[in-house]
Amino acid sequence: LKLQFLYFIGEEKKKKKMSYQSSETKKEEFRKYLEKSNVIDALTKVLVTLYEEPERPEKPVEFIKKALGGPSQSDYDSLRMENEELKEKLTKMEAELKSRGDEGAAQES
């Protein structure tokens, strides 16, 4: 019984060690992936740029998004408004086209 218990403890330690190695391996693979795809370089450059800013931005996340080439919140809001305006315009034009089509069909009769 004592030998079985010691064997069980030994197996549990092996599992934990394997799990730890697996976790470390995954972390290392992910780090290599980030390096290979230049993510680390891009983030480092952005953070250095943020650090070197004479005045800290009120919204650092917006600063980082913009530095990485993403749209700012104002860009997003502007595009959303433009999209709504274009949808309204399209609806009006479709209605106008339909009414013209109805008028043309009535004239042919």
PDB file of N, CA and C in Angstrom:
ATOM      1  N   LEU A   1       0.831  -1.196   0.000  1.00  0.00           N
ATOM      2  CA  LEU A   1       0.000   0.000   0.000  1.00  0.00           C
ATOM      3  C   LEU A   1       0.871   1.254   0.000  1.00  0.00           C
ATOM      4  N   LYS A   2       1.924   1.232   0.800  1.00  0.00           N
ATOM      5  CA  LYS A   2       2.822   2.373   0.878  1.00  0.00           C
ATOM      6  C   LYS A   2       3.515   2.592  -0.462  1.00  0.00           C
ATOM      7  N   LEU A   3       3.906   1.502  -1.127  1.00  0.00           N
ATOM      8  CA  LEU A   3       4.552   1.614  -2.432  1.00  0.00           C
ATOM      9  C   LEU A   3       3.588   2.169  -3.472  1.00  0.00           C
ATOM     10  N   GLN A   4       2.327   1.763  -3.398  1.00  0.00           N
ATOM     11  CA  GLN A   4       1.328   2.286  -4.330  1.00  0.00           C
ATOM     12  C   GLN A   4       1.153   3.789  -4.124  1.00  0.00           C
ATOM     13  N   PHE A   5       1.110   4.223  -2.874  1.00  0.00           N
ATOM     14  CA  PHE A   5       0.962   5.638  -2.579  1.00  0.00           C
ATOM     15  C   PHE A   5       2.153   6.426  -3.110  1.00  0.00           C
ATOM     16  N   LEU A   6       3.348   5.929  -2.882  1.00  0.00           N
ATOM     17  CA  LEU A   6       4.554   6.605  -3.368  1.00  0.00           C
ATOM     18  C   LEU A   6       4.566   6.651  -4.895  1.00  0.00           C
ATOM     19  N   TYR A   7       4.110   5.551  -5.518  1.00  0.00           N
ATOM     20  CA  TYR A   7       4.027   5.530  -6.981  1.00  0.00           C
ATOM     21  C   TYR A   7       3.037   6.583  -7.466  1.00  0.00           C
ATOM     22  N   PHE A   8       1.879   6.671  -6.786  1.00  0.00           N
ATOM     23  CA  PHE A   8       0.854   7.651  -7.143  1.00  0.00           C
ATOM     24  C   PHE A   8       1.399   9.079  -7.012  1.00  0.00           C
ATOM     25  N   ILE A   9       2.099   9.350  -5.924  1.00  0.00           N
ATOM     26  CA  ILE A   9       2.690  10.681  -5.711  1.00  0.00           C
ATOM     27  C   ILE A   9       3.702  10.976  -6.815  1.00  0.00           C
ATOM     28  N   GLY A  10       4.502  10.015  -7.157  1.00  0.00           N
ATOM     29  CA  GLY A  10       5.497  10.183  -8.218  1.00  0.00           C
ATOM     30  C   GLY A  10       4.844  10.487  -9.556  1.00  0.00           C
ATOM     31  N   GLU A  11       3.756   9.781  -9.858  1.00  0.00           N
ATOM     32  CA  GLU A  11       3.020  10.017 -11.107  1.00  0.00           C
ATOM     33  C   GLU A  11       2.409  11.411 -11.128  1.00  0.00           C
ATOM     34  N   GLU A  12       1.857  11.843 -10.010  1.00  0.00           N
ATOM     35  CA  GLU A  12       1.260  13.185  -9.919  1.00  0.00           C
ATOM     36  C   GLU A  12       2.325  14.255 -10.155  1.00  0.00           C
ATOM     37  N   LYS A  13       3.493  14.071  -9.589  1.00  0.00           N
ATOM     38  CA  LYS A  13       4.580  15.031  -9.796  1.00  0.00           C
ATOM     39  C   LYS A  13       4.979  15.076 -11.262  1.00  0.00           C
ATOM     40  N   LYS A  14       5.017  13.910 -11.924  1.00  0.00           N
ATOM     41  CA  LYS A  14       5.352  13.859 -13.344  1.00  0.00           C
ATOM     42  C   LYS A  14       4.314  14.628 -14.165  1.00  0.00           C
ATOM     43  N   LYS A  15       3.022  14.413 -13.820  1.00  0.00           N
ATOM     44  CA  LYS A  15       1.958  15.106 -14.546  1.00  0.00           C
ATOM     45  C   LYS A  15       2.091  16.609 -14.392  1.00  0.00           C
ATOM     46  N   LYS A  16       2.344  17.070 -13.166  1.00  0.00           N
ATOM     47  CA  LYS A  16       2.491  18.511 -12.926  1.00  0.00           C
ATOM     48  C   LYS A  16       3.687  19.061 -13.693  1.00  0.00           C
ATOM     49  N   LYS A  17       4.774  18.305 -13.688  1.00  0.00           N
ATOM     50  CA  LYS A  17       5.973  18.743 -14.397  1.00  0.00           C
ATOM     51  C   LYS A  17       5.709  18.810 -15.893  1.00  0.00           C
ATOM     52  N   MET A  18       5.003  17.806 -16.422  1.00  0.00           N
ATOM     53  CA  MET A  18       4.675  17.798 -17.849  1.00  0.00           C
ATOM     54  C   MET A  18       3.743  18.960 -18.179  1.00  0.00           C
ATOM     55  N   SER A  19       2.781  19.201 -17.294  1.00  0.00           N
ATOM     56  CA  SER A  19       1.846  20.300 -17.505  1.00  0.00           C
ATOM     57  C   SER A  19       2.603  21.625 -17.495  1.00  0.00           C
ATOM     58  N   TYR A  20       3.528  21.790 -16.560  1.00  0.00           N
ATOM     59  CA  TYR A  20       4.323  23.004 -16.483  1.00  0.00           C
ATOM     60  C   TYR A  20       5.158  23.167 -17.741  1.00  0.00           C
ATOM     61  N   GLN A  21       5.788  22.073 -18.200  1.00  0.00           N
ATOM     62  CA  GLN A  21       6.596  22.134 -19.406  1.00  0.00           C
ATOM     63  C   GLN A  21       5.724  22.466 -20.606  1.00  0.00           C
ATOM     64  N   SER A  22       4.541  21.885 -20.650  1.00  0.00           N
ATOM     65  CA  SER A  22       3.624  22.152 -21.750  1.00  0.00           C
ATOM     66  C   SER A  22       3.228  23.624 -21.758  1.00  0.00           C
ATOM     67  N   SER A  23       2.943  24.161 -20.589  1.00  0.00           N
ATOM     68  CA  SER A  23       2.575  25.569 -20.470  1.00  0.00           C
ATOM     69  C   SER A  23       3.741  26.462 -20.899  1.00  0.00           C
ATOM     70  N   GLU A  24       4.925  26.144 -20.454  1.00  0.00           N
ATOM     71  CA  GLU A  24       6.104  26.916 -20.828  1.00  0.00           C
ATOM     72  C   GLU A  24       6.368  26.814 -22.326  1.00  0.00           C
ATOM     73  N   THR A  25       6.176  25.646 -22.890  1.00  0.00           N
ATOM     74  CA  THR A  25       6.367  25.446 -24.323  1.00  0.00           C
ATOM     75  C   THR A  25       5.382  26.293 -25.110  1.00  0.00           C
ATOM     76  N   LYS A  26       4.128  26.303 -24.673  1.00  0.00           N
ATOM     77  CA  LYS A  26       3.109  27.109 -25.345  1.00  0.00           C
ATOM     78  C   LYS A  26       3.464  28.589 -25.290  1.00  0.00           C
ATOM     79  N   LYS A  27       3.918  29.044 -24.124  1.00  0.00           N
ATOM     80  CA  LYS A  27       4.313  30.452 -23.981  1.00  0.00           C
ATOM     81  C   LYS A  27       5.467  30.790 -24.920  1.00  0.00           C
ATOM     82  N   GLU A  28       6.425  29.903 -24.983  1.00  0.00           N
ATOM     83  CA  GLU A  28       7.586  30.124 -25.843  1.00  0.00           C
ATOM     84  C   GLU A  28       7.186  30.146 -27.315  1.00  0.00           C
ATOM     85  N   GLU A  29       6.310  29.229 -27.710  1.00  0.00           N
ATOM     86  CA  GLU A  29       5.834  29.202 -29.093  1.00  0.00           C
ATOM     87  C   GLU A  29       5.080  30.485 -29.428  1.00  0.00           C
ATOM     88  N   PHE A  30       4.264  30.953 -28.494  1.00  0.00           N
ATOM     89  CA  PHE A  30       3.503  32.175 -28.720  1.00  0.00           C
ATOM     90  C   PHE A  30       4.436  33.377 -28.826  1.00  0.00           C
ATOM     91  N   ARG A  31       5.458  33.439 -27.978  1.00  0.00           N
ATOM     92  CA  ARG A  31       6.440  34.527 -28.035  1.00  0.00           C
ATOM     93  C   ARG A  31       7.160  34.530 -29.388  1.00  0.00           C
ATOM     94  N   LYS A  32       7.546  33.348 -29.860  1.00  0.00           N
ATOM     95  CA  LYS A  32       8.208  33.243 -31.164  1.00  0.00           C
ATOM     96  C   LYS A  32       7.275  33.702 -32.284  1.00  0.00           C
ATOM     97  N   TYR A  33       6.001  33.322 -32.186  1.00  0.00           N
ATOM     98  CA  TYR A  33       4.998  33.758 -33.167  1.00  0.00           C
ATOM     99  C   TYR A  33       4.896  35.283 -33.196  1.00  0.00           C
ATOM    100  N   LEU A  34       4.832  35.902 -32.019  1.00  0.00           N
ATOM    101  CA  LEU A  34       4.743  37.365 -31.948  1.00  0.00           C
ATOM    102  C   LEU A  34       5.992  38.031 -32.519  1.00  0.00           C
ATOM    103  N   GLU A  35       7.144  37.465 -32.228  1.00  0.00           N
ATOM    104  CA  GLU A  35       8.388  38.008 -32.773  1.00  0.00           C
ATOM    105  C   GLU A  35       8.423  37.868 -34.291  1.00  0.00           C
ATOM    106  N   LYS A  36       8.090  36.698 -34.779  1.00  0.00           N
ATOM    107  CA  LYS A  36       8.149  36.419 -36.212  1.00  0.00           C
ATOM    108  C   LYS A  36       7.199  37.315 -37.008  1.00  0.00           C
ATOM    109  N   SER A  37       6.060  37.608 -36.433  1.00  0.00           N
ATOM    110  CA  SER A  37       5.067  38.428 -37.132  1.00  0.00           C
ATOM    111  C   SER A  37       5.228  39.920 -36.849  1.00  0.00           C
ATOM    112  N   ASN A  38       6.310  40.303 -36.213  1.00  0.00           N
ATOM    113  CA  ASN A  38       6.668  41.699 -35.924  1.00  0.00           C
ATOM    114  C   ASN A  38       5.688  42.418 -34.995  1.00  0.00           C
ATOM    115  N   VAL A  39       4.901  41.671 -34.259  1.00  0.00           N
ATOM    116  CA  VAL A  39       3.966  42.281 -33.318  1.00  0.00           C
ATOM    117  C   VAL A  39       4.724  42.961 -32.183  1.00  0.00           C
ATOM    118  N   ILE A  40       5.739  42.294 -31.679  1.00  0.00           N
ATOM    119  CA  ILE A  40       6.510  42.852 -30.563  1.00  0.00           C
ATOM    120  C   ILE A  40       7.172  44.157 -30.980  1.00  0.00           C
ATOM    121  N   ASP A  41       7.757  44.193 -32.185  1.00  0.00           N
ATOM    122  CA  ASP A  41       8.391  45.423 -32.668  1.00  0.00           C
ATOM    123  C   ASP A  41       7.381  46.560 -32.798  1.00  0.00           C
ATOM    124  N   ALA A  42       6.221  46.262 -33.374  1.00  0.00           N
ATOM    125  CA  ALA A  42       5.204  47.295 -33.570  1.00  0.00           C
ATOM    126  C   ALA A  42       4.716  47.844 -32.232  1.00  0.00           C
ATOM    127  N   LEU A  43       4.444  46.960 -31.284  1.00  0.00           N
ATOM    128  CA  LEU A  43       3.976  47.410 -29.977  1.00  0.00           C
ATOM    129  C   LEU A  43       5.054  48.198 -29.235  1.00  0.00           C
ATOM    130  N   THR A  44       6.289  47.747 -29.364  1.00  0.00           N
ATOM    131  CA  THR A  44       7.389  48.458 -28.710  1.00  0.00           C
ATOM    132  C   THR A  44       7.517  49.873 -29.266  1.00  0.00           C
ATOM    133  N   LYS A  45       7.457  50.009 -30.590  1.00  0.00           N
ATOM    134  CA  LYS A  45       7.548  51.339 -31.207  1.00  0.00           C
ATOM    135  C   LYS A  45       6.426  52.246 -30.746  1.00  0.00           C
ATOM    136  N   VAL A  46       5.211  51.713 -30.674  1.00  0.00           N
ATOM    137  CA  VAL A  46       4.066  52.519 -30.243  1.00  0.00           C
ATOM    138  C   VAL A  46       4.231  52.945 -28.787  1.00  0.00           C
ATOM    139  N   LEU A  47       4.663  52.019 -27.937  1.00  0.00           N
ATOM    140  CA  LEU A  47       4.839  52.357 -26.527  1.00  0.00           C
ATOM    141  C   LEU A  47       5.969  53.358 -26.321  1.00  0.00           C
ATOM    142  N   VAL A  48       7.022  53.252 -27.113  1.00  0.00           N
ATOM    143  CA  VAL A  48       8.107  54.239 -27.029  1.00  0.00           C
ATOM    144  C   VAL A  48       7.594  55.608 -27.466  1.00  0.00           C
ATOM    145  N   THR A  49       6.800  55.636 -28.539  1.00  0.00           N
ATOM    146  CA  THR A  49       6.213  56.891 -29.007  1.00  0.00           C
ATOM    147  C   THR A  49       5.334  57.504 -27.923  1.00  0.00           C
ATOM    148  N   LEU A  50       4.535  56.686 -27.264  1.00  0.00           N
ATOM    149  CA  LEU A  50       3.682  57.162 -26.177  1.00  0.00           C
ATOM    150  C   LEU A  50       4.530  57.691 -25.029  1.00  0.00           C
ATOM    151  N   TYR A  51       5.585  56.984 -24.706  1.00  0.00           N
ATOM    152  CA  TYR A  51       6.483  57.400 -23.621  1.00  0.00           C
ATOM    153  C   TYR A  51       7.135  58.741 -23.929  1.00  0.00           C
ATOM    154  N   GLU A  52       7.491  58.943 -25.197  1.00  0.00           N
ATOM    155  CA  GLU A  52       8.199  60.165 -25.587  1.00  0.00           C
ATOM    156  C   GLU A  52       7.274  61.354 -25.816  1.00  0.00           C
ATOM    157  N   GLU A  53       5.968  61.152 -25.738  1.00  0.00           N
ATOM    158  CA  GLU A  53       5.029  62.264 -25.892  1.00  0.00           C
ATOM    159  C   GLU A  53       5.275  63.277 -24.780  1.00  0.00           C
ATOM    160  N   PRO A  54       5.405  64.568 -25.140  1.00  0.00           N
ATOM    161  CA  PRO A  54       5.649  65.573 -24.104  1.00  0.00           C
ATOM    162  C   PRO A  54       4.485  65.677 -23.106  1.00  0.00           C
ATOM    163  N   GLU A  55       3.264  65.538 -23.616  1.00  0.00           N
ATOM    164  CA  GLU A  55       2.100  65.556 -22.731  1.00  0.00           C
ATOM    165  C   GLU A  55       1.366  64.228 -22.891  1.00  0.00           C
ATOM    166  N   ARG A  56       1.035  63.615 -21.794  1.00  0.00           N
ATOM    167  CA  ARG A  56       0.344  62.334 -21.825  1.00  0.00           C
ATOM    168  C   ARG A  56      -1.059  62.511 -22.413  1.00  0.00           C
ATOM    169  N   PRO A  57      -1.415  61.679 -23.394  1.00  0.00           N
ATOM    170  CA  PRO A  57      -2.763  61.768 -23.956  1.00  0.00           C
ATOM    171  C   PRO A  57      -3.810  61.387 -22.905  1.00  0.00           C
ATOM    172  N   GLU A  58      -4.981  62.021 -23.011  1.00  0.00           N
ATOM    173  CA  GLU A  58      -6.064  61.699 -22.084  1.00  0.00           C
ATOM    174  C   GLU A  58      -6.556  60.270 -22.289  1.00  0.00           C
ATOM    175  N   LYS A  59      -6.541  59.833 -23.539  1.00  0.00           N
ATOM    176  CA  LYS A  59      -7.014  58.486 -23.870  1.00  0.00           C
ATOM    177  C   LYS A  59      -5.868  57.702 -24.514  1.00  0.00           C
ATOM    178  N   PRO A  60      -5.034  57.066 -23.696  1.00  0.00           N
ATOM    179  CA  PRO A  60      -3.881  56.356 -24.251  1.00  0.00           C
ATOM    180  C   PRO A  60      -4.258  55.210 -25.192  1.00  0.00           C
ATOM    181  N   VAL A  61      -5.388  54.560 -24.943  1.00  0.00           N
ATOM    182  CA  VAL A  61      -5.796  53.459 -25.832  1.00  0.00           C
ATOM    183  C   VAL A  61      -6.105  54.007 -27.220  1.00  0.00           C
ATOM    184  N   GLU A  62      -6.773  55.165 -27.286  1.00  0.00           N
ATOM    185  CA  GLU A  62      -7.044  55.802 -28.575  1.00  0.00           C
ATOM    186  C   GLU A  62      -5.735  56.175 -29.271  1.00  0.00           C
ATOM    187  N   PHE A  63      -4.783  56.662 -28.503  1.00  0.00           N
ATOM    188  CA  PHE A  63      -3.467  57.021 -29.042  1.00  0.00           C
ATOM    189  C   PHE A  63      -2.810  55.788 -29.666  1.00  0.00           C
ATOM    190  N   ILE A  64      -2.865  54.672 -28.949  1.00  0.00           N
ATOM    191  CA  ILE A  64      -2.245  53.429 -29.436  1.00  0.00           C
ATOM    192  C   ILE A  64      -2.954  52.929 -30.688  1.00  0.00           C
ATOM    193  N   LYS A  65      -4.289  52.967 -30.681  1.00  0.00           N
ATOM    194  CA  LYS A  65      -5.041  52.544 -31.866  1.00  0.00           C
ATOM    195  C   LYS A  65      -4.648  53.368 -33.078  1.00  0.00           C
ATOM    196  N   LYS A  66      -4.591  54.679 -32.889  1.00  0.00           N
ATOM    197  CA  LYS A  66      -4.250  55.572 -33.999  1.00  0.00           C
ATOM    198  C   LYS A  66      -2.815  55.324 -34.473  1.00  0.00           C
ATOM    199  N   ALA A  67      -1.910  55.120 -33.527  1.00  0.00           N
ATOM    200  CA  ALA A  67      -0.506  54.873 -33.880  1.00  0.00           C
ATOM    201  C   ALA A  67      -0.343  53.568 -34.657  1.00  0.00           C
ATOM    202  N   LEU A  68      -1.219  52.607 -34.385  1.00  0.00           N
ATOM    203  CA  LEU A  68      -1.159  51.333 -35.103  1.00  0.00           C
ATOM    204  C   LEU A  68      -1.920  51.383 -36.423  1.00  0.00           C
ATOM    205  N   GLY A  69      -2.551  52.518 -36.706  1.00  0.00           N
ATOM    206  CA  GLY A  69      -3.229  52.687 -37.984  1.00  0.00           C
ATOM    207  C   GLY A  69      -4.721  52.455 -37.938  1.00  0.00           C
ATOM    208  N   GLY A  70      -5.268  52.241 -36.768  1.00  0.00           N
ATOM    209  CA  GLY A  70      -6.704  52.024 -36.642  1.00  0.00           C
ATOM    210  C   GLY A  70      -7.448  53.345 -36.584  1.00  0.00           C
ATOM    211  N   PRO A  71      -8.748  53.302 -36.835  1.00  0.00           N
ATOM    212  CA  PRO A  71      -9.536  54.528 -36.778  1.00  0.00           C
ATOM    213  C   PRO A  71      -9.731  54.991 -35.332  1.00  0.00           C
ATOM    214  N   SER A  72      -9.788  56.293 -35.167  1.00  0.00           N
ATOM    215  CA  SER A  72     -10.074  56.828 -33.841  1.00  0.00           C
ATOM    216  C   SER A  72     -11.581  56.792 -33.625  1.00  0.00           C
ATOM    217  N   GLN A  73     -12.010  57.114 -32.430  1.00  0.00           N
ATOM    218  CA  GLN A  73     -13.438  57.106 -32.144  1.00  0.00           C
ATOM    219  C   GLN A  73     -14.158  58.149 -32.997  1.00  0.00           C
ATOM    220  N   SER A  74     -13.532  59.311 -33.205  1.00  0.00           N
ATOM    221  CA  SER A  74     -14.170  60.340 -34.031  1.00  0.00           C
ATOM    222  C   SER A  74     -14.270  59.890 -35.490  1.00  0.00           C
ATOM    223  N   ASP A  75     -13.258  59.163 -35.980  1.00  0.00           N
ATOM    224  CA  ASP A  75     -13.329  58.612 -37.336  1.00  0.00           C
ATOM    225  C   ASP A  75     -14.491  57.619 -37.434  1.00  0.00           C
ATOM    226  N   TYR A  76     -14.600  56.784 -36.430  1.00  0.00           N
ATOM    227  CA  TYR A  76     -15.655  55.781 -36.401  1.00  0.00           C
ATOM    228  C   TYR A  76     -17.029  56.460 -36.383  1.00  0.00           C
ATOM    229  N   ASP A  77     -17.189  57.470 -35.514  1.00  0.00           N
ATOM    230  CA  ASP A  77     -18.470  58.181 -35.426  1.00  0.00           C
ATOM    231  C   ASP A  77     -18.814  58.861 -36.742  1.00  0.00           C
ATOM    232  N   SER A  78     -17.819  59.470 -37.366  1.00  0.00           N
ATOM    233  CA  SER A  78     -18.025  60.151 -38.641  1.00  0.00           C
ATOM    234  C   SER A  78     -18.469  59.159 -39.721  1.00  0.00           C
ATOM    235  N   LEU A  79     -17.810  58.023 -39.782  1.00  0.00           N
ATOM    236  CA  LEU A  79     -18.175  57.006 -40.775  1.00  0.00           C
ATOM    237  C   LEU A  79     -19.567  56.440 -40.510  1.00  0.00           C
ATOM    238  N   ARG A  80     -19.911  56.277 -39.247  1.00  0.00           N
ATOM    239  CA  ARG A  80     -21.236  55.766 -38.912  1.00  0.00           C
ATOM    240  C   ARG A  80     -22.322  56.762 -39.331  1.00  0.00           C
ATOM    241  N   MET A  81     -22.083  58.051 -39.101  1.00  0.00           N
ATOM    242  CA  MET A  81     -23.051  59.075 -39.509  1.00  0.00           C
ATOM    243  C   MET A  81     -23.194  59.099 -41.029  1.00  0.00           C
ATOM    244  N   GLU A  82     -22.063  59.035 -41.724  1.00  0.00           N
ATOM    245  CA  GLU A  82     -22.094  59.037 -43.181  1.00  0.00           C
ATOM    246  C   GLU A  82     -22.870  57.824 -43.695  1.00  0.00           C
ATOM    247  N   ASN A  83     -22.663  56.686 -43.065  1.00  0.00           N
ATOM    248  CA  ASN A  83     -23.370  55.469 -43.456  1.00  0.00           C
ATOM    249  C   ASN A  83     -24.878  55.639 -43.283  1.00  0.00           C
ATOM    250  N   GLU A  84     -25.303  56.224 -42.185  1.00  0.00           N
ATOM    251  CA  GLU A  84     -26.732  56.453 -41.948  1.00  0.00           C
ATOM    252  C   GLU A  84     -27.317  57.394 -43.000  1.00  0.00           C
ATOM    253  N   GLU A  85     -26.566  58.462 -43.314  1.00  0.00           N
ATOM    254  CA  GLU A  85     -27.028  59.416 -44.332  1.00  0.00           C
ATOM    255  C   GLU A  85     -27.174  58.738 -45.698  1.00  0.00           C
ATOM    256  N   LEU A  86     -26.215  57.902 -46.034  1.00  0.00           N
ATOM    257  CA  LEU A  86     -26.274  57.206 -47.321  1.00  0.00           C
ATOM    258  C   LEU A  86     -27.424  56.202 -47.367  1.00  0.00           C
ATOM    259  N   LYS A  87     -27.706  55.562 -46.250  1.00  0.00           N
ATOM    260  CA  LYS A  87     -28.849  54.642 -46.205  1.00  0.00           C
ATOM    261  C   LYS A  87     -30.157  55.399 -46.449  1.00  0.00           C
ATOM    262  N   GLU A  88     -30.285  56.566 -45.814  1.00  0.00           N
ATOM    263  CA  GLU A  88     -31.497  57.380 -46.008  1.00  0.00           C
ATOM    264  C   GLU A  88     -31.621  57.817 -47.466  1.00  0.00           C
ATOM    265  N   LYS A  89     -30.506  58.257 -48.034  1.00  0.00           N
ATOM    266  CA  LYS A  89     -30.502  58.694 -49.428  1.00  0.00           C
ATOM    267  C   LYS A  89     -30.903  57.544 -50.354  1.00  0.00           C
ATOM    268  N   LEU A  90     -30.377  56.368 -50.086  1.00  0.00           N
ATOM    269  CA  LEU A  90     -30.702  55.192 -50.889  1.00  0.00           C
ATOM    270  C   LEU A  90     -32.199  54.878 -50.798  1.00  0.00           C
ATOM    271  N   THR A  91     -32.737  54.931 -49.617  1.00  0.00           N
ATOM    272  CA  THR A  91     -34.167  54.654 -49.435  1.00  0.00           C
ATOM    273  C   THR A  91     -35.008  55.637 -50.236  1.00  0.00           C
ATOM    274  N   LYS A  92     -34.653  56.914 -50.192  1.00  0.00           N
ATOM    275  CA  LYS A  92     -35.393  57.934 -50.944  1.00  0.00           C
ATOM    276  C   LYS A  92     -35.280  57.692 -52.447  1.00  0.00           C
ATOM    277  N   MET A  93     -34.086  57.372 -52.911  1.00  0.00           N
ATOM    278  CA  MET A  93     -33.879  57.147 -54.345  1.00  0.00           C
ATOM    279  C   MET A  93     -34.628  55.905 -54.822  1.00  0.00           C
ATOM    280  N   GLU A  94     -34.648  54.861 -53.993  1.00  0.00           N
ATOM    281  CA  GLU A  94     -35.389  53.657 -54.364  1.00  0.00           C
ATOM    282  C   GLU A  94     -36.885  53.956 -54.451  1.00  0.00           C
ATOM    283  N   ALA A  95     -37.383  54.749 -53.508  1.00  0.00           N
ATOM    284  CA  ALA A  95     -38.801  55.119 -53.525  1.00  0.00           C
ATOM    285  C   ALA A  95     -39.111  55.955 -54.765  1.00  0.00           C
ATOM    286  N   GLU A  96     -38.203  56.889 -55.096  1.00  0.00           N
ATOM    287  CA  GLU A  96     -38.393  57.731 -56.286  1.00  0.00           C
ATOM    288  C   GLU A  96     -38.372  56.872 -57.553  1.00  0.00           C
ATOM    289  N   LEU A  97     -37.461  55.951 -57.621  1.00  0.00           N
ATOM    290  CA  LEU A  97     -37.360  55.068 -58.785  1.00  0.00           C
ATOM    291  C   LEU A  97     -38.617  54.206 -58.918  1.00  0.00           C
ATOM    292  N   LYS A  98     -39.109  53.732 -57.813  1.00  0.00           N
ATOM    293  CA  LYS A  98     -40.322  52.917 -57.832  1.00  0.00           C
ATOM    294  C   LYS A  98     -41.517  53.750 -58.309  1.00  0.00           C
ATOM    295  N   SER A  99     -41.616  54.985 -57.806  1.00  0.00           N
ATOM    296  CA  SER A  99     -42.745  55.833 -58.221  1.00  0.00           C
ATOM    297  C   SER A  99     -42.648  56.171 -59.703  1.00  0.00           C
ATOM    298  N   ARG A 100     -41.452  56.369 -60.207  1.00  0.00           N
ATOM    299  CA  ARG A 100     -41.284  56.629 -61.648  1.00  0.00           C
ATOM    300  C   ARG A 100     -41.663  55.391 -62.461  1.00  0.00           C
ATOM    301  N   GLY A 101     -41.300  54.234 -61.934  1.00  0.00           N
ATOM    302  CA  GLY A 101     -41.655  52.987 -62.609  1.00  0.00           C
ATOM    303  C   GLY A 101     -43.166  52.798 -62.629  1.00  0.00           C
ATOM    304  N   ASP A 102     -43.822  53.146 -61.539  1.00  0.00           N
ATOM    305  CA  ASP A 102     -45.283  53.045 -61.470  1.00  0.00           C
ATOM    306  C   ASP A 102     -45.936  54.027 -62.425  1.00  0.00           C
ATOM    307  N   GLU A 103     -45.376  55.246 -62.545  1.00  0.00           N
ATOM    308  CA  GLU A 103     -45.908  56.264 -63.459  1.00  0.00           C
ATOM    309  C   GLU A 103     -45.755  55.804 -64.923  1.00  0.00           C
ATOM    310  N   GLY A 104     -44.593  55.212 -65.217  1.00  0.00           N
ATOM    311  CA  GLY A 104     -44.339  54.744 -66.574  1.00  0.00           C
ATOM    312  C   GLY A 104     -45.295  53.613 -66.955  1.00  0.00           C
ATOM    313  N   ALA A 105     -45.565  52.733 -66.034  1.00  0.00           N
ATOM    314  CA  ALA A 105     -46.478  51.624 -66.281  1.00  0.00           C
ATOM    315  C   ALA A 105     -47.895  52.152 -66.475  1.00  0.00           C
ATOM    316  N   ALA A 106     -48.258  53.187 -65.736  1.00  0.00           N
ATOM    317  CA  ALA A 106     -49.611  53.768 -65.865  1.00  0.00           C
ATOM    318  C   ALA A 106     -49.768  54.480 -67.212  1.00  0.00           C
ATOM    319  N   GLN A 107     -48.701  55.125 -67.686  1.00  0.00           N
ATOM    320  CA  GLN A 107     -48.765  55.835 -68.979  1.00  0.00           C
ATOM    321  C   GLN A 107     -48.872  54.860 -70.141  1.00  0.00           C
ATOM    322  N   GLU A 108     -48.263  53.687 -70.026  1.00  0.00           N
ATOM    323  CA  GLU A 108     -48.288  52.699 -71.095  1.00  0.00           C
ATOM    324  C   GLU A 108     -49.693  52.088 -71.240  1.00  0.00           C
ATOM    325  N   SER A 109     -50.481  52.124 -70.185  1.00  0.00           N
ATOM    326  CA  SER A 109     -51.804  51.513 -70.247  1.00  0.00           C
ATOM    327  C   SER A 109     -52.789  52.295 -70.994  1.00  0.00           C
TER     328      SER A 109
END
